[in-house]
């Protein structure tokens, strides 16, 4: 048995010789075992990257075993990932809802009423109301943005609410 002269493979010369010696065999092993679909070239490269990252911990006589085990595990992980991807590709999104057609029709009618009622507001009321209810801004923020007093904002929003209630009841 040959005595190892070097304790680790962090030297570029030793690492290159291991790469040249095992890269083709490792690629072929992965290709024959898993096929081209799971990218054996990429997994071969990843295995050598992991070997380089752990070069101080691995002796040259254990390098081949480390490479083949690591590459095999990478391919198995990729195969498991592809199964999950395939499973979720096969599930169809839910196209129906639990709401009755009557509820959906009422919702549409109410939305139409709301849009008409919003259109009937004055521009100042609509702007203040939408900033408060849609954008979630506080009265003070709206007052600063519109360069008016907080009381003016309150008046516009409360006026808008009263007008909306009145218009939606009529419709």
Protein backbone atom coordinates (compact mmCIF):
# COMPACT_ATOMS: atom_id res chain seq x y z
CA UNK A 1 0.00 0.00 0.00
CA UNK A 2 1.26 3.43 -0.95
CA UNK A 3 2.10 5.85 1.88
CA UNK A 4 0.39 9.26 1.68
CA UNK A 5 2.89 12.11 1.60
CA UNK A 6 0.27 14.83 2.06
CA UNK A 7 -2.26 15.18 4.84
CA UNK A 8 -4.82 17.34 3.07
CA UNK A 9 -5.91 18.28 -0.41
CA UNK A 10 -5.93 22.07 -0.02
CA UNK A 11 -2.87 22.37 -2.22
CA UNK A 12 -3.91 23.28 -5.74
CA UNK A 13 -1.67 20.64 -7.31
CA UNK A 14 -3.15 17.80 -5.24
CA UNK A 15 -6.71 19.01 -5.71
CA UNK A 16 -6.18 19.30 -9.48
CA UNK A 17 -4.82 15.77 -9.67
CA UNK A 18 -7.86 14.45 -7.77
CA UNK A 19 -10.16 16.42 -10.07
CA UNK A 20 -8.43 15.10 -13.20
CA UNK A 21 -8.48 11.56 -11.85
CA UNK A 22 -12.12 11.36 -10.67
CA UNK A 23 -14.22 13.99 -12.48
CA UNK A 24 -15.03 11.94 -15.57
CA UNK A 25 -15.76 8.77 -13.56
CA UNK A 26 -17.99 10.71 -11.16
CA UNK A 27 -19.93 12.32 -14.01
CA UNK A 28 -20.39 8.97 -15.72
CA UNK A 29 -21.53 7.35 -12.47
CA UNK A 30 -24.17 10.04 -11.97
CA UNK A 31 -25.23 9.99 -15.62
CA UNK A 32 -25.67 6.19 -15.66
CA UNK A 33 -27.47 6.09 -12.34
CA UNK A 34 -29.79 9.10 -12.71
CA UNK A 35 -29.75 10.14 -16.37
CA UNK A 36 -29.26 13.56 -17.92
CA UNK A 37 -32.46 15.09 -16.52
CA UNK A 38 -30.99 15.91 -13.09
CA UNK A 39 -27.85 17.62 -14.45
CA UNK A 40 -24.99 15.27 -13.54
CA UNK A 41 -22.43 17.84 -14.73
CA UNK A 42 -23.69 20.38 -12.22
CA UNK A 43 -23.75 17.85 -9.41
CA UNK A 44 -20.21 16.77 -10.26
CA UNK A 45 -19.08 20.37 -10.00
CA UNK A 46 -20.99 20.87 -6.74
CA UNK A 47 -19.35 17.77 -5.26
CA UNK A 48 -15.90 19.14 -6.11
CA UNK A 49 -16.85 22.52 -4.60
CA UNK A 50 -17.85 20.76 -1.37
CA UNK A 51 -14.59 18.83 -1.46
CA UNK A 52 -12.66 22.11 -1.78
CA UNK A 53 -14.65 23.67 1.06
CA UNK A 54 -13.78 20.71 3.28
CA UNK A 55 -10.26 20.13 1.93
CA UNK A 56 -8.56 20.49 5.32
CA UNK A 57 -10.77 17.78 6.84
CA UNK A 58 -10.43 15.16 4.09
CA UNK A 59 -7.35 13.15 3.34
CA UNK A 60 -6.48 12.31 -0.27
CA UNK A 61 -7.26 8.61 0.22
CA UNK A 62 -10.83 9.51 1.34
CA UNK A 63 -11.45 12.07 -1.41
CA UNK A 64 -12.96 9.63 -3.94
CA UNK A 65 -15.39 8.23 -1.39
CA UNK A 66 -16.36 11.75 -0.27
CA UNK A 67 -16.95 12.87 -3.86
CA UNK A 68 -19.11 9.93 -4.85
CA UNK A 69 -21.16 10.02 -1.64
CA UNK A 70 -21.69 13.77 -1.84
CA UNK A 71 -22.62 13.71 -5.53
CA UNK A 72 -25.00 10.78 -5.00
CA UNK A 73 -26.71 12.65 -2.13
CA UNK A 74 -26.98 15.81 -4.24
CA UNK A 75 -28.68 13.83 -7.00
CA UNK A 76 -31.05 12.16 -4.54
CA UNK A 77 -31.98 15.55 -3.10
CA UNK A 78 -32.60 16.90 -6.60
CA UNK A 79 -34.77 13.88 -7.46
CA UNK A 80 -36.82 14.41 -4.29
CA UNK A 81 -37.20 18.10 -5.15
CA UNK A 82 -38.37 17.25 -8.67
CA UNK A 83 -41.01 14.92 -7.20
CA UNK A 84 -42.36 17.75 -5.07
CA UNK A 85 -42.39 20.11 -8.06
CA UNK A 86 -44.23 17.53 -10.14
CA UNK A 87 -46.77 16.92 -7.38
CA UNK A 88 -47.62 20.62 -7.14
CA UNK A 89 -47.75 21.02 -10.91
CA UNK A 90 -50.41 18.34 -11.05
CA UNK A 91 -52.70 19.95 -8.48
CA UNK A 92 -55.29 22.11 -10.15
CA UNK A 93 -56.24 25.45 -8.64
CA UNK A 94 -59.70 25.67 -7.19
CA UNK A 95 -61.92 27.32 -9.78
CA UNK A 96 -65.12 27.48 -7.75
CA UNK A 97 -66.13 29.14 -4.51
CA UNK A 98 -68.44 28.17 -1.68
CA UNK A 99 -70.61 31.22 -2.23
CA UNK A 100 -74.01 30.72 -3.78
CA UNK A 101 -74.81 32.35 -7.12
CA UNK A 102 -77.32 34.55 -5.31
CA UNK A 103 -74.62 35.84 -2.93
CA UNK A 104 -72.26 36.53 -5.83
CA UNK A 105 -74.99 38.46 -7.65
CA UNK A 106 -75.77 40.51 -4.52
CA UNK A 107 -72.07 41.23 -4.05
CA UNK A 108 -71.78 42.47 -7.63
CA UNK A 109 -74.89 44.65 -7.25
CA UNK A 110 -73.60 46.13 -3.99
CA UNK A 111 -70.21 46.85 -5.57
CA UNK A 112 -71.96 48.66 -8.43
CA UNK A 113 -74.01 50.71 -5.91
CA UNK A 114 -70.85 51.59 -4.01
CA UNK A 115 -69.04 52.72 -7.15
CA UNK A 116 -71.99 54.93 -8.17
CA UNK A 117 -72.20 56.38 -4.66
CA UNK A 118 -68.47 57.12 -4.66
CA UNK A 119 -68.82 58.85 -8.01
CA UNK A 120 -71.56 61.09 -6.53
CA UNK A 121 -69.26 62.42 -3.79
CA UNK A 122 -67.56 65.75 -4.25
CA UNK A 123 -63.92 65.49 -5.26
CA UNK A 124 -62.68 66.76 -1.88
CA UNK A 125 -64.87 64.25 -0.01
CA UNK A 126 -63.84 61.37 -2.28
CA UNK A 127 -60.12 62.16 -1.98
CA UNK A 128 -60.22 62.41 1.82
CA UNK A 129 -62.43 59.32 2.16
CA UNK A 130 -60.27 57.16 -0.14
CA UNK A 131 -57.04 58.27 1.55
CA UNK A 132 -58.53 57.28 4.89
CA UNK A 133 -60.37 54.07 4.02
CA UNK A 134 -58.31 52.66 1.14
CA UNK A 135 -54.80 53.87 1.90
CA UNK A 136 -55.28 53.71 5.69
CA UNK A 137 -54.01 57.24 6.35
CA UNK A 138 -54.93 59.04 9.57
CA UNK A 139 -56.74 62.35 9.64
CA UNK A 140 -53.56 64.21 10.57
CA UNK A 141 -51.61 62.67 7.66
CA UNK A 142 -54.39 63.56 5.22
CA UNK A 143 -54.49 67.12 6.58
CA UNK A 144 -50.74 67.50 6.01
CA UNK A 145 -50.94 66.08 2.49
CA UNK A 146 -53.90 68.22 1.46
CA UNK A 147 -52.65 71.26 3.37
CA UNK A 148 -55.90 71.68 5.32
CA UNK A 149 -56.86 71.42 9.00
CA UNK A 150 -57.64 68.15 10.74
CA UNK A 151 -61.18 69.38 11.38
CA UNK A 152 -61.66 69.94 7.64
CA UNK A 153 -60.56 66.37 6.98
CA UNK A 154 -62.98 65.07 9.62
CA UNK A 155 -65.81 67.09 8.10
CA UNK A 156 -65.06 65.78 4.58
CA UNK A 157 -64.87 62.14 5.67
CA UNK A 158 -67.96 62.26 7.88
CA UNK A 159 -69.84 64.06 5.10
CA UNK A 160 -68.72 61.38 2.65
CA UNK A 161 -69.90 58.61 4.99
CA UNK A 162 -73.31 60.22 5.44
CA UNK A 163 -73.71 60.72 1.67
CA UNK A 164 -72.62 57.12 0.97
CA UNK A 165 -75.15 55.72 3.46
CA UNK A 166 -77.89 57.82 1.92
CA UNK A 167 -77.01 56.94 -1.71
CA UNK A 168 -76.60 53.21 -1.06
CA UNK A 169 -79.98 53.04 0.73
CA UNK A 170 -81.67 54.73 -2.23
CA UNK A 171 -80.15 52.35 -4.73
